[in-house]
Amino acid sequence: MWVEHNAMLEFNNVYKRYSESGEVLSGISFRLDKGEMAFVTGHSGAGKSTLLKLIPVIERVNRGQILIEGKPITRISQRQIPYLRRKFGLIFQDYRLLHDRTVFENVALPLVIAGYSHHDVGRRARAALDKVGLLRKEKRYPLSLSGGEQQRVGIARAIVHKPPMILADEPTGNLDPELSMEIMKLFKEFNHVGVTLLIASHDLALIDRLGHRRLILRQGKLIPGD
């Protein structure tokens, strides 16, 4: 009998080392269920960003296994990686927007690359911008926006293809507390409609207010948390 796999993400005894800095992650094991929202926390250099990069195979593990929806990704080929990445919306602290493209063009880019029709690109990009409250600024350029608005453009770009999981690396790192909470409220809205979220953040006060599970890294190892 076929049973649906409820885990969106699993790490099984994962190790990652860099030749210049040695072991960054040591024996990491955890699972994240579909529709769950969790935070990765820890000191600067604890391995938060590296952990996130292993999931869409921006970096590869040295030992151990990572599974997405029950399927191992540790040794997938370079050719398969673009298809795997369609499962994720990636959000970064530094926004990574193209400054010579409009807000609309930045958000639409993943759909254009994936080969969506012109009609679908327009419809989906505007729906994503509406979701983050920036539809009226679709013709602006990123540098004319505030930091909070630029991050929301990054979020719209990440959700435009409706991925089942969002990975966010310090998404509020450059924002003040009020804007940070606005961004987290957006994430909670996505979570309420079933999107799985894994968010790396050092902002413990903000995480405490939100009350979701924490994966705490200390010197590359997961320590008991909540």
Protein backbone atom coordinates (compact mmCIF):
# COMPACT_ATOMS: atom_id res chain seq x y z
CA MET A 1 0.00 0.00 0.00
CA TRP A 2 1.39 3.42 -1.00
CA VAL A 3 1.60 5.94 1.86
CA GLU A 4 2.19 9.66 1.37
CA HIS A 5 5.46 10.83 2.86
CA ASN A 6 4.67 13.58 5.34
CA ALA A 7 8.24 14.85 5.78
CA MET A 8 9.11 17.73 3.47
CA LEU A 9 12.76 17.68 4.51
CA GLU A 10 15.02 15.23 6.34
CA PHE A 11 18.68 15.50 7.34
CA ASN A 12 20.27 12.20 8.34
CA ASN A 13 23.70 12.52 10.00
CA VAL A 14 24.86 15.27 7.61
CA TYR A 15 28.44 16.57 7.61
CA LYS A 16 29.86 19.50 5.64
CA ARG A 17 33.46 20.67 5.61
CA TYR A 18 35.38 23.27 3.63
CA SER A 19 39.07 22.82 2.91
CA GLU A 20 39.91 26.29 4.22
CA SER A 21 37.75 26.36 7.38
CA GLY A 22 37.32 22.69 8.29
CA GLU A 23 34.09 21.09 9.44
CA VAL A 24 31.15 23.49 9.41
CA LEU A 25 28.31 21.02 10.11
CA SER A 26 28.73 17.82 12.14
CA GLY A 27 26.21 14.99 12.34
CA ILE A 28 23.08 17.08 11.67
CA SER A 29 19.81 15.13 11.86
CA PHE A 30 16.26 16.54 11.89
CA ARG A 31 13.01 16.42 9.93
CA LEU A 32 10.62 19.14 8.87
CA ASP A 33 7.07 18.09 8.09
CA LYS A 34 5.01 19.44 5.21
CA GLY A 35 3.33 22.66 6.27
CA GLU A 36 5.71 23.24 9.20
CA MET A 37 7.50 26.54 9.91
CA ALA A 38 10.78 26.41 11.81
CA PHE A 39 13.81 28.60 12.53
CA VAL A 40 17.52 27.78 12.39
CA THR A 41 19.32 29.89 14.98
CA GLY A 42 22.83 30.12 16.38
CA HIS A 43 25.85 32.39 16.72
CA SER A 44 27.55 33.95 13.69
CA GLY A 45 29.53 31.18 11.99
CA ALA A 46 27.45 28.39 13.55
CA GLY A 47 26.59 26.99 10.10
CA LYS A 48 23.08 28.40 9.50
CA SER A 49 23.69 29.60 5.93
CA THR A 50 25.61 26.46 5.02
CA LEU A 51 22.74 24.27 6.24
CA LEU A 52 20.27 26.15 4.05
CA LYS A 53 22.58 25.98 1.01
CA LEU A 54 22.73 22.19 1.21
CA ILE A 55 18.96 21.85 0.62
CA PRO A 56 18.80 23.27 -2.96
CA VAL A 57 22.31 21.85 -3.60
CA ILE A 58 24.03 25.23 -3.77
CA GLU A 59 26.57 23.31 -1.67
CA ARG A 60 26.94 19.52 -1.47
CA VAL A 61 27.26 17.42 1.67
CA ASN A 62 30.45 15.47 2.46
CA ARG A 63 28.70 12.72 4.44
CA GLY A 64 25.13 11.81 5.35
CA GLN A 65 21.90 12.14 3.46
CA ILE A 66 19.29 14.81 2.75
CA LEU A 67 15.81 13.82 1.56
CA ILE A 68 13.17 16.05 0.00
CA GLU A 69 9.69 14.53 0.20
CA GLY A 70 11.32 11.17 0.92
CA LYS A 71 13.69 11.27 -2.07
CA PRO A 72 17.47 11.49 -1.53
CA ILE A 73 19.12 14.48 -3.19
CA THR A 74 22.67 14.04 -1.94
CA ARG A 75 24.03 12.67 -5.20
CA ILE A 76 21.71 14.11 -7.81
CA SER A 77 23.33 15.17 -11.08
CA GLN A 78 24.00 18.77 -12.10
CA ARG A 79 21.32 18.34 -14.78
CA GLN A 80 18.68 17.52 -12.16
CA ILE A 81 19.45 20.47 -9.85
CA PRO A 82 17.34 23.10 -11.71
CA TYR A 83 14.29 20.83 -11.43
CA LEU A 84 14.92 20.27 -7.72
CA ARG A 85 15.20 24.03 -7.11
CA ARG A 86 11.70 24.59 -8.45
CA LYS A 87 10.48 23.10 -5.17
CA PHE A 88 11.96 26.04 -3.25
CA GLY A 89 11.56 29.77 -2.95
CA LEU A 90 14.93 31.23 -1.94
CA ILE A 91 15.10 34.48 0.04
CA PHE A 92 18.36 36.19 1.00
CA GLN A 93 19.43 38.93 3.41
CA ASP A 94 20.94 41.03 0.61
CA TYR A 95 17.82 40.78 -1.65
CA ARG A 96 19.84 39.87 -4.81
CA LEU A 97 17.63 41.93 -7.11
CA LEU A 98 18.67 42.99 -10.61
CA HIS A 99 18.96 46.77 -10.42
CA ASP A 100 18.57 47.30 -14.18
CA ARG A 101 15.21 45.48 -14.21
CA THR A 102 11.90 46.78 -12.92
CA VAL A 103 10.18 45.30 -9.89
CA PHE A 104 7.84 43.40 -12.22
CA GLU A 105 10.73 42.05 -14.32
CA ASN A 106 12.59 40.88 -11.21
CA VAL A 107 9.57 38.95 -9.96
CA ALA A 108 8.74 37.54 -13.40
CA LEU A 109 12.25 36.29 -14.13
CA PRO A 110 11.89 32.76 -12.64
CA LEU A 111 8.75 32.23 -14.72
CA VAL A 112 10.43 33.47 -17.91
CA ILE A 113 13.37 31.11 -17.31
CA ALA A 114 10.96 28.22 -16.67
CA GLY A 115 9.20 28.88 -20.00
CA TYR A 116 5.78 30.09 -18.84
CA SER A 117 3.57 31.81 -21.41
CA HIS A 118 3.53 35.61 -21.57
CA HIS A 119 -0.03 35.62 -20.18
CA ASP A 120 0.83 33.35 -17.25
CA VAL A 121 3.98 35.34 -16.46
CA GLY A 122 1.98 38.56 -16.19
CA ARG A 123 -0.84 37.02 -14.17
CA ARG A 124 1.39 35.18 -11.69
CA ALA A 125 3.92 38.01 -11.23
CA ARG A 126 1.17 40.54 -10.49
CA ALA A 127 -0.54 38.12 -8.09
CA ALA A 128 2.75 37.69 -6.21
CA LEU A 129 3.33 41.45 -6.06
CA ASP A 130 -0.23 41.97 -4.83
CA LYS A 131 0.40 39.39 -2.08
CA VAL A 132 3.34 41.43 -0.73
CA GLY A 133 1.57 44.78 -1.20
CA LEU A 134 3.71 46.12 -4.06
CA LEU A 135 1.49 45.85 -7.11
CA ARG A 136 1.38 49.64 -7.48
CA LYS A 137 5.18 49.77 -7.69
CA GLU A 138 5.67 47.15 -10.43
CA LYS A 139 7.25 49.69 -12.82
CA ARG A 140 9.73 51.06 -10.28
CA TYR A 141 13.37 50.00 -10.08
CA PRO A 142 14.72 48.29 -6.94
CA LEU A 143 17.07 51.10 -5.90
CA SER A 144 14.11 53.50 -5.69
CA LEU A 145 12.53 51.31 -2.98
CA SER A 146 13.17 51.10 0.75
CA GLY A 147 15.01 48.10 2.22
CA GLY A 148 11.75 46.58 3.43
CA GLU A 149 10.18 46.98 0.00
CA GLN A 150 13.20 45.42 -1.71
CA GLN A 151 12.95 42.42 0.60
CA ARG A 152 9.25 42.09 -0.27
CA VAL A 153 10.18 42.08 -3.97
CA GLY A 154 12.59 39.26 -3.15
CA ILE A 155 9.78 37.40 -1.40
CA ALA A 156 7.41 37.91 -4.34
CA ARG A 157 10.09 36.50 -6.66
CA ALA A 158 10.52 33.51 -4.34
CA ILE A 159 6.79 32.65 -4.24
CA VAL A 160 5.85 33.49 -7.84
CA HIS A 161 6.12 29.84 -8.98
CA LYS A 162 4.17 28.64 -5.91
CA PRO A 163 6.89 26.44 -4.38
CA PRO A 164 5.93 24.02 -1.60
CA MET A 165 8.85 25.22 0.54
CA ILE A 166 10.52 28.57 1.29
CA LEU A 167 14.14 28.81 2.47
CA ALA A 168 15.04 32.21 3.92
CA ASP A 169 18.56 33.16 5.03
CA GLU A 170 18.50 36.05 7.55
CA PRO A 171 15.57 37.68 5.68
CA THR A 172 15.21 40.45 8.27
CA GLY A 173 18.93 40.99 8.92
CA ASN A 174 18.97 44.46 7.35
CA LEU A 175 15.57 45.62 8.64
CA ASP A 176 14.36 47.41 11.76
CA PRO A 177 12.16 45.52 14.27
CA GLU A 178 8.85 46.83 12.88
CA LEU A 179 9.69 45.88 9.28
CA SER A 180 11.09 42.56 10.48
CA MET A 181 7.75 41.68 12.08
CA GLU A 182 5.93 42.67 8.85
CA ILE A 183 8.09 40.22 6.90
CA MET A 184 7.48 37.47 9.46
CA LYS A 185 3.73 38.08 9.29
CA LEU A 186 3.97 37.53 5.54
CA PHE A 187 5.76 34.24 6.14
CA LYS A 188 3.06 33.17 8.59
CA GLU A 189 0.42 33.90 5.93
CA PHE A 190 2.23 31.59 3.50
CA ASN A 191 2.50 28.97 6.23
CA HIS A 192 -1.24 29.17 6.90
CA VAL A 193 -1.93 28.08 3.31
CA GLY A 194 0.36 25.07 3.63
CA VAL A 195 3.80 26.32 2.57
CA THR A 196 6.71 24.79 4.51
CA LEU A 197 9.24 27.37 5.77
CA LEU A 198 12.77 27.07 7.12
CA ILE A 199 14.20 30.43 8.18
CA ALA A 200 17.75 31.11 9.37
CA SER A 201 17.82 34.01 11.83
CA HIS A 202 19.86 35.31 14.76
CA ASP A 203 16.99 37.57 15.92
CA LEU A 204 15.99 35.63 19.04
CA ALA A 205 13.58 38.30 20.30
CA LEU A 206 11.61 38.11 17.05
CA ILE A 207 11.65 34.30 17.02
CA ASP A 208 10.41 34.21 20.64
CA ARG A 209 7.40 36.32 19.66
CA LEU A 210 6.46 33.94 16.85
CA GLY A 211 6.61 30.72 18.87
CA HIS A 212 7.71 28.20 16.22
CA ARG A 213 10.19 25.34 16.55
CA ARG A 214 13.87 26.25 16.74
CA LEU A 215 16.82 24.25 15.42
CA ILE A 216 19.75 25.62 17.41
CA LEU A 217 23.26 25.33 15.96
CA ARG A 218 26.36 25.68 18.10
CA GLN A 219 29.74 25.25 16.44
CA GLY A 220 28.21 23.19 13.65
CA LYS A 221 26.16 20.85 15.82
CA LEU A 222 22.45 20.82 16.63
CA ILE A 223 21.85 21.23 20.35
CA PRO A 224 18.61 20.39 22.18
CA GLY A 225 16.07 23.18 21.76
CA ASP A 226 12.30 23.47 21.51
